Amino acid sequence: MKNINVARYESAAGELILGEYEGKLCLCDWVAEGHREAVDRHIKRYICAEYHDCVTPVIELTIRQLDEYFRGERRTFDMPLMFVGTEFQQTVRTELTRIPYGATISYAELARRVGNPKAVRAVAAANAINPVSIIVPCHRVIGSNGSMTGYGGGLTAKKFLLELETHTEKKVE
């Protein structure tokens, strides 16, 4: 059986588990929240591998870039990524990476951007099991009325990330 190399990372917003498979980051997920099991099932469904504690160069790169992000020094990430899931889920994740730093969009807008405006619930479901949180910025998706909606790291973490980006965005301008 193959391994997904994993390591824990303590961020300013909470503890994350980072995972690398075949030289690509496939996991950056919150440890504390209850959806961990769903994300783990999702990952293992598409990658036939077990978790193995091991810090790799990709995980080290991810830690450096996350440290820079939390210090307000980084707005985008450039480590190699592996998106797992259906073609639709991968399309949603790719579109998530296009949401600019400090910006938010609604689930309805995200559905429109992936070419299926009626797929709001499917987009929300794909967003909910995003295994590469922060890097693939699902925290930038909010309700159509501007409300904070569910987030794998919890609403406190989502609010923290959005405020970090808003504060940094204003500071740089």
Foldseek 3Di string as FASTA:
>chain_A
DAEWEWDWDQAPLAIWIWTHDPQATEATAHDPFPCPVVLVCQVCVFPVHYYDHDQDPLNVLVNVQRVCVRVLNDFADDGHHDYGDDPLLVLLLVVLNVQGQLAAEELLVSCVVSPHSVCSVVSVVSLANRRYDPNSPSLRYDHPVRHRDDDRSGSSSSVVRNVSRNVSVVVVD
